[in-house]
Protein backbone atom coordinates (compact mmCIF):
# COMPACT_ATOMS: atom_id res chain seq x y z
CA MET A 1 -24.57 18.95 4.32
CA ILE A 2 -25.03 17.64 0.83
CA LEU A 3 -21.80 17.77 -1.21
CA ASN A 4 -21.81 18.87 -4.87
CA ALA A 5 -18.49 17.08 -5.58
CA ILE A 6 -16.51 14.17 -4.16
CA ALA A 7 -14.99 15.56 -0.95
CA PRO A 8 -11.71 14.29 0.59
CA VAL A 9 -12.16 11.81 3.46
CA ASP A 10 -10.86 14.29 6.09
CA GLN A 11 -13.19 17.04 4.86
CA LEU A 12 -16.10 14.54 4.96
CA TRP A 13 -15.33 13.47 8.46
CA ARG A 14 -15.30 17.11 9.67
CA SER A 15 -18.68 17.60 8.13
CA ILE A 16 -20.11 14.46 9.86
CA ARG A 17 -18.70 15.59 13.20
CA LEU A 18 -20.22 19.08 12.77
CA GLU A 19 -23.58 17.53 11.98
CA ALA A 20 -23.28 15.32 15.08
CA GLU A 21 -22.39 18.27 17.33
CA THR A 22 -25.39 20.26 15.96
CA ALA A 23 -27.66 17.29 16.53
CA LEU A 24 -26.35 16.97 20.07
CA ALA A 25 -27.02 20.62 20.80
CA GLY A 26 -30.56 20.26 19.52
CA ASP A 27 -31.33 16.91 21.31
CA PRO A 28 -29.20 16.29 24.30
CA LEU A 29 -30.87 12.95 24.95
CA PHE A 30 -29.37 11.72 21.75
CA GLY A 31 -25.95 12.51 23.10
CA VAL A 32 -24.92 9.12 24.39
CA SER A 33 -25.69 7.48 21.14
CA LEU A 34 -23.94 10.18 19.12
CA SER A 35 -20.88 10.04 21.31
CA ALA A 36 -20.51 6.25 20.88
CA ALA A 37 -21.21 6.44 17.10
CA ILE A 38 -19.40 9.48 16.04
CA LEU A 39 -17.76 11.91 18.60
CA ASP A 40 -15.77 9.23 20.36
CA HIS A 41 -13.99 8.43 17.07
CA SER A 42 -11.07 10.01 15.48
CA ASP A 43 -11.72 9.28 11.91
CA LEU A 44 -14.38 7.85 9.44
CA GLY A 45 -12.81 4.35 9.39
CA SER A 46 -13.21 4.06 13.19
CA ALA A 47 -16.79 5.29 13.06
CA VAL A 48 -17.65 2.87 10.20
CA GLY A 49 -16.07 -0.04 12.02
CA HIS A 50 -18.16 0.81 15.09
CA GLN A 51 -21.40 0.77 12.94
CA ILE A 52 -20.42 -2.61 11.43
CA GLY A 53 -19.82 -4.09 14.92
CA GLU A 54 -23.13 -2.65 16.22
CA ARG A 55 -25.09 -3.98 13.35
CA LEU A 56 -23.59 -7.45 13.01
CA GLY A 57 -22.77 -8.38 16.54
CA LYS A 58 -25.31 -10.04 18.76
CA THR A 59 -23.24 -9.81 21.90
CA ALA A 60 -20.87 -7.19 23.35
CA ALA A 61 -17.97 -9.60 22.54
CA ASP A 62 -19.16 -10.04 18.94
CA ARG A 63 -19.64 -6.33 18.51
CA GLN A 64 -16.04 -5.67 19.65
CA LEU A 65 -14.64 -8.36 17.46
CA PHE A 66 -16.33 -7.25 14.28
CA ALA A 67 -15.59 -3.60 14.88
CA GLY A 68 -11.93 -4.49 15.53
CA VAL A 69 -11.69 -6.53 12.34
CA ALA A 70 -13.26 -3.63 10.34
CA ARG A 71 -10.84 -1.15 11.83
CA GLU A 72 -7.92 -3.47 11.04
CA ALA A 73 -9.07 -3.61 7.43
CA PHE A 74 -9.49 0.26 7.24
CA GLN A 75 -6.11 0.88 8.85
CA THR A 76 -4.29 -1.53 6.54
CA SER A 77 -6.11 -0.40 3.31
CA PRO A 78 -6.88 3.29 3.26
CA ASP A 79 -8.54 2.72 -0.02
CA LEU A 80 -11.46 1.13 1.83
CA VAL A 81 -11.98 4.25 3.80
CA ASP A 82 -12.01 6.31 0.63
CA ALA A 83 -14.53 3.95 -0.82
CA ALA A 84 -16.75 4.21 2.35
CA SER A 85 -16.51 8.08 1.97
CA ARG A 86 -17.54 7.90 -1.75
CA ASP A 87 -20.45 5.51 -0.92
CA LEU A 88 -21.81 7.80 1.77
CA GLN A 89 -21.56 10.79 -0.48
CA SER A 90 -23.41 8.88 -3.22
CA VAL A 91 -26.29 8.27 -0.73
CA ALA A 92 -26.48 11.90 0.12
CA VAL A 93 -26.48 12.90 -3.54
CA HIS A 94 -28.99 10.37 -4.84
CA ASP A 95 -31.46 9.98 -2.04
CA PRO A 96 -33.90 13.02 -2.12
CA ALA A 97 -35.00 12.20 1.47
CA THR A 98 -31.51 12.65 2.88
CA ARG A 99 -30.51 16.03 4.27
CA GLY A 100 -27.02 15.23 5.35
CA LEU A 101 -24.29 12.73 5.90
CA LEU A 102 -25.03 11.78 9.44
CA PRO A 103 -28.45 10.03 8.94
CA PRO A 104 -27.31 7.43 6.29
CA LEU A 105 -24.15 6.68 8.32
CA LEU A 106 -26.21 6.02 11.45
CA ASN A 107 -29.41 4.54 9.98
CA PHE A 108 -29.08 3.21 6.48
CA LYS A 109 -28.50 -0.48 6.61
CA GLY A 110 -27.56 -0.67 2.92
CA TYR A 111 -24.62 1.56 3.65
CA VAL A 112 -23.45 -0.57 6.55
CA ALA A 113 -23.95 -3.74 4.62
CA LEU A 114 -21.87 -2.47 1.73
CA GLN A 115 -19.01 -1.45 4.06
CA ALA A 116 -19.28 -4.90 5.84
CA TRP A 117 -18.87 -6.43 2.40
CA ARG A 118 -15.73 -4.25 1.74
CA VAL A 119 -14.31 -5.74 4.93
CA SER A 120 -15.31 -9.31 4.00
CA ASN A 121 -13.71 -8.86 0.55
CA TRP A 122 -10.51 -7.58 2.21
CA LEU A 123 -10.46 -10.67 4.41
CA TRP A 124 -11.25 -12.92 1.40
CA HIS A 125 -8.13 -11.51 -0.41
CA HIS A 126 -6.03 -11.98 2.74
CA ASP A 127 -6.71 -15.66 3.03
CA ARG A 128 -9.21 -15.32 5.86
CA ALA A 129 -12.12 -16.79 4.05
CA ASP A 130 -13.84 -18.31 7.03
CA LEU A 131 -14.19 -14.82 8.76
CA ALA A 132 -15.15 -13.32 5.46
CA LEU A 133 -18.08 -15.79 4.96
CA LEU A 134 -19.10 -15.29 8.58
CA LEU A 135 -19.47 -11.52 7.89
CA GLN A 136 -21.58 -12.38 4.81
CA SER A 137 -23.78 -14.60 6.86
CA LEU A 138 -24.26 -12.07 9.69
CA SER A 139 -25.11 -9.30 7.18
CA SER A 140 -27.62 -11.55 5.52
CA ASP A 141 -29.21 -12.37 8.88
CA SER A 142 -29.12 -8.87 10.41
CA LEU A 143 -29.39 -6.61 7.39
CA GLN A 144 -31.09 -8.79 4.75
CA VAL A 145 -28.12 -8.08 2.35
CA SER A 146 -25.99 -11.02 1.24
CA ILE A 147 -22.90 -10.22 -0.84
CA HIS A 148 -20.37 -12.86 -1.45
CA PRO A 149 -16.89 -11.70 -0.42
CA SER A 150 -15.36 -12.87 -3.72
CA SER A 151 -17.50 -10.40 -5.73
CA SER A 152 -16.10 -7.07 -6.94
CA ILE A 153 -17.91 -3.76 -6.43
CA GLY A 154 -16.82 -0.27 -7.32
CA THR A 155 -17.23 2.92 -5.38
CA SER A 156 -20.08 5.49 -5.03
CA VAL A 157 -22.53 2.64 -4.94
CA PHE A 158 -25.96 3.01 -3.41
CA LEU A 159 -28.02 0.18 -2.00
CA ASP A 160 -31.44 1.87 -1.66
CA HIS A 161 -33.88 0.45 0.84
CA ALA A 162 -31.53 -2.68 0.90
CA THR A 163 -33.78 -5.53 1.83
CA GLY A 164 -33.42 -8.91 0.01
CA ILE A 165 -30.40 -7.94 -2.04
CA ILE A 166 -28.27 -11.00 -3.10
CA VAL A 167 -25.00 -10.69 -4.97
CA GLY A 168 -23.46 -14.05 -5.68
CA ALA A 169 -19.82 -15.24 -5.99
CA PHE A 170 -17.51 -13.53 -8.70
CA VAL A 171 -20.19 -10.94 -9.70
CA VAL A 172 -18.66 -7.64 -10.85
CA ILE A 173 -20.36 -4.34 -10.24
CA GLY A 174 -19.02 -1.00 -11.46
CA ASP A 175 -18.79 2.47 -9.90
CA GLU A 176 -21.96 4.52 -9.21
CA ALA A 177 -24.37 1.63 -9.48
CA THR A 178 -27.77 2.02 -7.80
CA ILE A 179 -29.38 -1.21 -6.53
CA TYR A 180 -32.93 -1.30 -5.08
CA GLN A 181 -34.53 -3.86 -2.85
CA ASN A 182 -34.94 -7.55 -3.73
CA VAL A 183 -32.38 -7.56 -6.47
CA THR A 184 -30.64 -10.95 -7.27
CA ILE A 185 -27.36 -11.10 -9.17
CA GLY A 186 -25.78 -14.47 -9.69
CA ARG A 187 -24.48 -17.35 -11.77
CA LYS A 188 -26.28 -20.17 -13.49
CA ASP A 189 -23.48 -22.61 -12.74
CA ALA A 190 -20.40 -22.91 -10.58
CA LEU A 191 -17.76 -21.66 -13.01
CA PRO A 192 -16.11 -18.40 -11.87
CA GLY A 193 -15.94 -16.77 -15.24
CA ARG A 194 -19.67 -16.91 -15.82
CA ALA A 195 -21.03 -14.48 -13.24
CA PRO A 196 -22.82 -11.27 -14.34
CA ARG A 197 -20.75 -8.12 -14.98
CA ILE A 198 -22.54 -4.90 -14.16
CA GLY A 199 -21.14 -1.68 -15.77
CA ARG A 200 -20.79 1.91 -14.48
CA ASP A 201 -23.74 3.96 -13.39
CA VAL A 202 -26.27 1.15 -13.82
CA LEU A 203 -29.75 1.20 -12.22
CA LEU A 204 -31.10 -2.12 -11.05
CA SER A 205 -34.75 -1.55 -10.00
CA SER A 206 -36.62 -3.46 -7.35
CA GLY A 207 -37.08 -7.11 -7.88
CA ALA A 208 -34.77 -7.37 -10.86
CA THR A 209 -32.86 -10.63 -11.45
CA ILE A 210 -29.65 -10.88 -13.44
CA LEU A 211 -28.41 -14.42 -14.01
CA GLY A 212 -25.57 -16.07 -15.81
CA ASP A 213 -22.66 -15.03 -18.07
CA VAL A 214 -24.19 -11.69 -19.06
CA SER A 215 -22.85 -8.20 -19.29
CA ILE A 216 -24.83 -5.08 -18.38
CA GLY A 217 -23.37 -2.08 -20.11
CA ASP A 218 -22.58 1.33 -18.64
CA PHE A 219 -25.57 3.55 -17.92
CA ALA A 220 -28.06 0.70 -18.53
CA LYS A 221 -31.34 0.47 -16.60
CA ILE A 222 -33.02 -2.79 -15.52
CA GLY A 223 -36.71 -2.34 -14.88
CA ALA A 224 -38.52 -3.56 -11.77
CA GLY A 225 -39.17 -7.37 -11.73
CA SER A 226 -37.23 -7.94 -14.90
CA VAL A 227 -35.32 -11.19 -15.41
CA VAL A 228 -32.14 -10.58 -17.49
CA THR A 229 -30.32 -13.64 -18.93
CA ASN A 230 -28.76 -11.98 -22.00
CA ASP A 231 -26.41 -8.97 -22.51
CA VAL A 232 -27.83 -5.48 -22.18
CA PRO A 233 -25.85 -2.93 -24.25
CA SER A 234 -24.72 0.38 -22.75
CA GLY A 235 -27.42 2.97 -22.37
CA CYS A 236 -30.33 0.46 -22.92
CA THR A 237 -33.24 -0.24 -20.66
CA ALA A 238 -34.29 -3.92 -20.10
CA VAL A 239 -37.80 -4.65 -19.01
CA GLY A 240 -39.99 -7.81 -18.65
CA VAL A 241 -39.79 -11.48 -18.13
CA PRO A 242 -37.76 -12.48 -20.04
CA ALA A 243 -36.22 -8.96 -20.39
CA ARG A 244 -36.40 -7.25 -23.76
CA LEU A 245 -34.49 -4.14 -24.72
CA THR A 246 -35.98 -0.62 -25.10
CA ASN A 247 -34.91 2.98 -25.19
CA CYS A 248 -31.45 2.09 -26.59
CA PRO A 249 -29.17 4.90 -27.92
CA GLU A 250 -29.47 5.38 -31.59
CA GLY A 251 -27.44 2.78 -33.59
CA VAL A 252 -26.94 0.38 -30.61
CA LEU A 253 -29.19 -2.26 -32.02
CA ALA A 254 -28.50 -1.60 -35.69
C-alpha cells in the first residue's frame, strides 16, 4: 500500500499488519519471521524497536537490550514514532522499487539505521551519551551508516541504499532530505557551530561530500562525487570537485 498523503501512525500500523497478514497467507514458511517482526507487536514503535534490536545486537541479550532501549524511547517520546512513520512513508513514496510499507520496514537497513539514530539522539539529550555512542558504533559496524547522536535530522528522510553514509557531530539536516550511498557530511574543525546545515527537500547524490561551516539551501541538489565547501543557495545544483553552482533559480546569483 503506497500512501498519497501522510497517514496517521495508527492507520499506517493497520496497513502494515494487513500487508503482513496477506504475506503470511501467501507464504506460510515466512510466518515465524513475520510474527516476530510484525504480528506479535501492538504498535509501530514496538515493531521498529524489534528491528533495531535484531539489526544491532550480536547476541540474544544484546538484541533484547537494544530493542528495550528503543521501546523506552518510543514510549517516552511519541514524536519519535511519528518520525518513524513519516520516514517509512517517505521510502514508500520515493523508491520506485517499493510496492508497500512492509518491505522497507523489514529489509531496508537505511530505514533501521535512521531509527537507531533517532533513539541515540534521544539518549544523547537525556544524558546517556555512552549508550548513545554505542548505538552509533553498532550502526556503523552492522549497517554501514554512522550518524553522530548530537546531529539533528528532520522527518520524511530517505537514506537510499545506505552504505557508507557518515553524518558528523552537530550536523543539521532538514525534512524530506534524500541521501544516497557514500555521502559524508561533517566539520572541518572541532567547533560545534561550524557543522554543515542541510535544508529541506535536499538531494545528496552518491559519493557527495559536504564539509565545514556551510549551508545547503532548501530544494538544492548535490551531484554525485561532488565536494562542497561553500554555501549552496536554495534551488541550486552543485557539481564537481570543488563544487560549482548550476541550474540556479533566476536571480539567485544576480
